[in-house]
Amino acid sequence: GVSSVSPLAALLSAGSESERVGAARTLCRFAASGRSEAREVATAGCVPRLITMASSASHESQRVAAETLAALARSCESCQVAIADAGGVSVLLRLASTASNDAVQQPALVVLCELCSHEQLQAEVLGHDTAAHIASLLGRLSVACQESATA
């Protein structure tokens, strides 16, 4: 429940990098387990912290944060809105276009694709003048990444 999410949420902003990565991994598994679990993660204030983590210089932090945001975006529409409201679109677009490896790009693209499935958020993602850019990125990524991003 929320009691188990709260200490993990606190670690996302106050822990060492390895503690933040560990907390995000645990939250990712929890969020992927169902809609209500994903909502708990979002309402515990994790989304802005994950977006901050995705903005860090560490590739590992970027990857795990993007994977956790992808699990949230797949699980519920309110999580998609929370990601957009917390400024996630510009951070994820930056990761999708500038990250040096597929392990970071792919989950960022998954989140953006999920946000595009939400009618009210579609304009925000595509309004960044990035639709063609995202299409070219998808073309460059491996087949496995394409399948995951379009699933």
C-alpha atoms as a PDB file:
ATOM      1  CA  GLY A   1       0.000   0.000   0.000  1.00  0.00           C
ATOM      2  CA  VAL A   2       0.883   3.678   0.254  1.00  0.00           C
ATOM      3  CA  SER A   3       2.799   2.935   3.456  1.00  0.00           C
ATOM      4  CA  SER A   4       5.246   0.805   1.458  1.00  0.00           C
ATOM      5  CA  VAL A   5       5.454   3.344  -1.401  1.00  0.00           C
ATOM      6  CA  SER A   6       6.157   6.379   0.823  1.00  0.00           C
ATOM      7  CA  PRO A   7       9.654   5.369   1.987  1.00  0.00           C
ATOM      8  CA  LEU A   8      10.573   4.506  -1.608  1.00  0.00           C
ATOM      9  CA  ALA A   9       9.259   7.901  -2.753  1.00  0.00           C
ATOM     10  CA  ALA A  10      11.441   9.568  -0.120  1.00  0.00           C
ATOM     11  CA  LEU A  11      14.504   7.651  -1.351  1.00  0.00           C
ATOM     12  CA  LEU A  12      13.922   8.933  -4.890  1.00  0.00           C
ATOM     13  CA  SER A  13      14.848  12.425  -3.762  1.00  0.00           C
ATOM     14  CA  ALA A  14      16.914  11.950  -0.620  1.00  0.00           C
ATOM     15  CA  GLY A  15      18.858   8.742  -1.217  1.00  0.00           C
ATOM     16  CA  SER A  16      22.246   8.126  -2.793  1.00  0.00           C
ATOM     17  CA  GLU A  17      22.239   7.337  -6.505  1.00  0.00           C
ATOM     18  CA  SER A  18      22.275   3.582  -5.848  1.00  0.00           C
ATOM     19  CA  GLU A  19      19.393   3.959  -3.360  1.00  0.00           C
ATOM     20  CA  ARG A  20      17.413   6.038  -5.888  1.00  0.00           C
ATOM     21  CA  VAL A  21      17.993   3.427  -8.613  1.00  0.00           C
ATOM     22  CA  GLY A  22      16.989   0.603  -6.240  1.00  0.00           C
ATOM     23  CA  ALA A  23      13.854   2.451  -5.129  1.00  0.00           C
ATOM     24  CA  ALA A  24      12.883   3.192  -8.746  1.00  0.00           C
ATOM     25  CA  ARG A  25      13.371  -0.479  -9.711  1.00  0.00           C
ATOM     26  CA  THR A  26      11.072  -1.568  -6.873  1.00  0.00           C
ATOM     27  CA  LEU A  27       8.490   1.076  -7.811  1.00  0.00           C
ATOM     28  CA  CYS A  28       8.699  -0.069 -11.450  1.00  0.00           C
ATOM     29  CA  ARG A  29       7.819  -3.653 -10.498  1.00  0.00           C
ATOM     30  CA  PHE A  30       5.029  -2.417  -8.210  1.00  0.00           C
ATOM     31  CA  ALA A  31       3.568  -0.068 -10.850  1.00  0.00           C
ATOM     32  CA  ALA A  32       3.677  -2.820 -13.480  1.00  0.00           C
ATOM     33  CA  SER A  33       1.605  -5.104 -11.252  1.00  0.00           C
ATOM     34  CA  GLY A  34      -1.658  -3.223 -11.788  1.00  0.00           C
ATOM     35  CA  ARG A  35      -3.639  -0.032 -12.237  1.00  0.00           C
ATOM     36  CA  SER A  36      -4.284   0.626  -8.536  1.00  0.00           C
ATOM     37  CA  GLU A  37      -0.613   0.035  -7.697  1.00  0.00           C
ATOM     38  CA  ALA A  38       0.462   2.456 -10.423  1.00  0.00           C
ATOM     39  CA  ARG A  39      -1.964   5.066  -9.048  1.00  0.00           C
ATOM     40  CA  GLU A  40      -0.426   4.605  -5.573  1.00  0.00           C
ATOM     41  CA  VAL A  41       3.024   5.317  -6.997  1.00  0.00           C
ATOM     42  CA  ALA A  42       1.749   8.420  -8.810  1.00  0.00           C
ATOM     43  CA  THR A  43      -0.207   9.778  -5.821  1.00  0.00           C
ATOM     44  CA  ALA A  44       2.806   9.272  -3.530  1.00  0.00           C
ATOM     45  CA  GLY A  45       4.564  12.044  -5.472  1.00  0.00           C
ATOM     46  CA  CYS A  46       6.964   9.763  -7.329  1.00  0.00           C
ATOM     47  CA  VAL A  47       6.373  11.113 -10.842  1.00  0.00           C
ATOM     48  CA  PRO A  48       8.155  14.501 -10.449  1.00  0.00           C
ATOM     49  CA  ARG A  49      11.026  12.741  -8.660  1.00  0.00           C
ATOM     50  CA  LEU A  50      11.318  10.167 -11.449  1.00  0.00           C
ATOM     51  CA  ILE A  51      11.366  12.961 -14.028  1.00  0.00           C
ATOM     52  CA  THR A  52      14.166  14.668 -12.092  1.00  0.00           C
ATOM     53  CA  MET A  53      15.992  11.338 -12.013  1.00  0.00           C
ATOM     54  CA  ALA A  54      15.488  10.938 -15.784  1.00  0.00           C
ATOM     55  CA  SER A  55      17.181  14.347 -16.182  1.00  0.00           C
ATOM     56  CA  SER A  56      20.298  13.288 -14.285  1.00  0.00           C
ATOM     57  CA  ALA A  57      23.697  12.748 -15.902  1.00  0.00           C
ATOM     58  CA  SER A  58      23.757   9.062 -14.942  1.00  0.00           C
ATOM     59  CA  HIS A  59      22.704   6.688 -17.727  1.00  0.00           C
ATOM     60  CA  GLU A  60      21.611   4.112 -15.135  1.00  0.00           C
ATOM     61  CA  SER A  61      19.381   6.666 -13.379  1.00  0.00           C
ATOM     62  CA  GLN A  62      17.970   7.810 -16.725  1.00  0.00           C
ATOM     63  CA  ARG A  63      17.237   4.226 -17.796  1.00  0.00           C
ATOM     64  CA  VAL A  64      15.572   3.082 -14.578  1.00  0.00           C
ATOM     65  CA  ALA A  65      13.541   6.294 -14.261  1.00  0.00           C
ATOM     66  CA  ALA A  66      12.349   5.995 -17.874  1.00  0.00           C
ATOM     67  CA  GLU A  67      11.472   2.317 -17.366  1.00  0.00           C
ATOM     68  CA  THR A  68       9.466   3.197 -14.255  1.00  0.00           C
ATOM     69  CA  LEU A  69       7.670   6.032 -16.054  1.00  0.00           C
ATOM     70  CA  ALA A  70       6.905   3.566 -18.881  1.00  0.00           C
ATOM     71  CA  ALA A  71       5.365   1.111 -16.391  1.00  0.00           C
ATOM     72  CA  LEU A  72       3.248   3.930 -14.963  1.00  0.00           C
ATOM     73  CA  ALA A  73       2.178   5.199 -18.398  1.00  0.00           C
ATOM     74  CA  ARG A  74       1.164   1.687 -19.484  1.00  0.00           C
ATOM     75  CA  SER A  75      -0.855   1.098 -16.324  1.00  0.00           C
ATOM     76  CA  CYS A  76      -3.250   4.027 -16.091  1.00  0.00           C
ATOM     77  CA  GLU A  77      -4.410   7.222 -17.785  1.00  0.00           C
ATOM     78  CA  SER A  78      -4.141   9.249 -14.588  1.00  0.00           C
ATOM     79  CA  CYS A  79      -0.454   8.323 -14.494  1.00  0.00           C
ATOM     80  CA  GLN A  80      -0.068   9.558 -18.087  1.00  0.00           C
ATOM     81  CA  VAL A  81      -1.615  12.883 -17.063  1.00  0.00           C
ATOM     82  CA  ALA A  82       0.668  13.060 -13.996  1.00  0.00           C
ATOM     83  CA  ILE A  83       3.733  12.529 -16.215  1.00  0.00           C
ATOM     84  CA  ALA A  84       2.678  15.311 -18.591  1.00  0.00           C
ATOM     85  CA  ASP A  85       1.687  17.651 -15.733  1.00  0.00           C
ATOM     86  CA  ALA A  86       5.094  17.204 -14.092  1.00  0.00           C
ATOM     87  CA  GLY A  87       6.920  18.317 -17.236  1.00  0.00           C
ATOM     88  CA  GLY A  88       7.785  14.840 -18.394  1.00  0.00           C
ATOM     89  CA  VAL A  89       7.168  15.383 -22.104  1.00  0.00           C
ATOM     90  CA  SER A  90      10.185  17.643 -22.715  1.00  0.00           C
ATOM     91  CA  VAL A  91      12.498  15.483 -20.548  1.00  0.00           C
ATOM     92  CA  LEU A  92      11.394  12.284 -22.294  1.00  0.00           C
ATOM     93  CA  LEU A  93      11.714  13.861 -25.753  1.00  0.00           C
ATOM     94  CA  ARG A  94      15.256  14.904 -24.853  1.00  0.00           C
ATOM     95  CA  LEU A  95      16.087  11.363 -23.678  1.00  0.00           C
ATOM     96  CA  ALA A  96      14.487   9.817 -26.753  1.00  0.00           C
ATOM     97  CA  SER A  97      16.488  12.030 -29.076  1.00  0.00           C
ATOM     98  CA  THR A  98      19.846  12.456 -27.325  1.00  0.00           C
ATOM     99  CA  ALA A  99      20.411   9.378 -25.148  1.00  0.00           C
ATOM    100  CA  SER A 100      23.459   7.477 -26.329  1.00  0.00           C
ATOM    101  CA  ASN A 101      21.913   4.028 -26.102  1.00  0.00           C
ATOM    102  CA  ASP A 102      18.703   2.127 -26.812  1.00  0.00           C
ATOM    103  CA  ALA A 103      18.330   1.116 -23.162  1.00  0.00           C
ATOM    104  CA  VAL A 104      17.518   4.754 -22.329  1.00  0.00           C
ATOM    105  CA  GLN A 105      15.861   5.770 -25.616  1.00  0.00           C
ATOM    106  CA  GLN A 106      13.458   2.842 -25.807  1.00  0.00           C
ATOM    107  CA  PRO A 107      11.590   3.314 -22.482  1.00  0.00           C
ATOM    108  CA  ALA A 108      11.429   7.075 -23.120  1.00  0.00           C
ATOM    109  CA  LEU A 109       9.798   6.367 -26.495  1.00  0.00           C
ATOM    110  CA  VAL A 110       7.393   3.918 -24.856  1.00  0.00           C
ATOM    111  CA  VAL A 111       6.209   6.639 -22.454  1.00  0.00           C
ATOM    112  CA  LEU A 112       5.779   9.136 -25.304  1.00  0.00           C
ATOM    113  CA  CYS A 113       3.804   6.580 -27.334  1.00  0.00           C
ATOM    114  CA  GLU A 114       1.593   5.860 -24.315  1.00  0.00           C
ATOM    115  CA  LEU A 115       1.001   9.594 -23.797  1.00  0.00           C
ATOM    116  CA  CYS A 116      -0.005   9.875 -27.464  1.00  0.00           C
ATOM    117  CA  SER A 117      -2.711   7.274 -26.842  1.00  0.00           C
ATOM    118  CA  HIS A 118      -4.384   9.755 -24.449  1.00  0.00           C
ATOM    119  CA  GLU A 119      -6.389  12.208 -26.562  1.00  0.00           C
ATOM    120  CA  GLN A 120      -5.773  15.263 -24.365  1.00  0.00           C
ATOM    121  CA  LEU A 121      -2.020  14.604 -24.190  1.00  0.00           C
ATOM    122  CA  GLN A 122      -1.479  13.840 -27.855  1.00  0.00           C
ATOM    123  CA  ALA A 123      -1.353  17.519 -28.803  1.00  0.00           C
ATOM    124  CA  GLU A 124       1.201  18.225 -26.063  1.00  0.00           C
ATOM    125  CA  VAL A 125       3.572  15.518 -27.279  1.00  0.00           C
ATOM    126  CA  LEU A 126       3.112  16.232 -30.973  1.00  0.00           C
ATOM    127  CA  GLY A 127       3.036  19.992 -30.364  1.00  0.00           C
ATOM    128  CA  HIS A 128       6.752  19.884 -29.577  1.00  0.00           C
ATOM    129  CA  ASP A 129       7.252  19.603 -33.355  1.00  0.00           C
ATOM    130  CA  THR A 130       8.702  16.166 -32.815  1.00  0.00           C
ATOM    131  CA  ALA A 131       6.352  13.749 -34.566  1.00  0.00           C
ATOM    132  CA  ALA A 132       8.732  13.322 -37.515  1.00  0.00           C
ATOM    133  CA  HIS A 133      11.689  13.133 -35.145  1.00  0.00           C
ATOM    134  CA  ILE A 134      10.048  10.361 -33.100  1.00  0.00           C
ATOM    135  CA  ALA A 135       9.243   8.468 -36.305  1.00  0.00           C
ATOM    136  CA  SER A 136      12.878   8.662 -37.417  1.00  0.00           C
ATOM    137  CA  LEU A 137      14.058   7.498 -33.993  1.00  0.00           C
ATOM    138  CA  LEU A 138      11.695   4.543 -34.103  1.00  0.00           C
ATOM    139  CA  GLY A 139      13.118   3.686 -37.497  1.00  0.00           C
ATOM    140  CA  ARG A 140      16.667   3.662 -36.130  1.00  0.00           C
ATOM    141  CA  LEU A 141      15.947   1.558 -33.048  1.00  0.00           C
ATOM    142  CA  SER A 142      16.108  -2.214 -33.095  1.00  0.00           C
ATOM    143  CA  VAL A 143      13.062  -4.267 -34.086  1.00  0.00           C
ATOM    144  CA  ALA A 144      12.587  -5.323 -30.465  1.00  0.00           C
ATOM    145  CA  CYS A 145      12.442  -1.693 -29.374  1.00  0.00           C
ATOM    146  CA  GLN A 146       9.959  -0.857 -32.138  1.00  0.00           C
ATOM    147  CA  GLU A 147       7.676  -3.697 -31.074  1.00  0.00           C
ATOM    148  CA  SER A 148       7.789  -2.612 -27.453  1.00  0.00           C
ATOM    149  CA  ALA A 149       7.187   1.052 -28.225  1.00  0.00           C
ATOM    150  CA  THR A 150       4.192   0.321 -30.432  1.00  0.00           C
ATOM    151  CA  ALA A 151       2.661  -2.461 -28.310  1.00  0.00           C
END
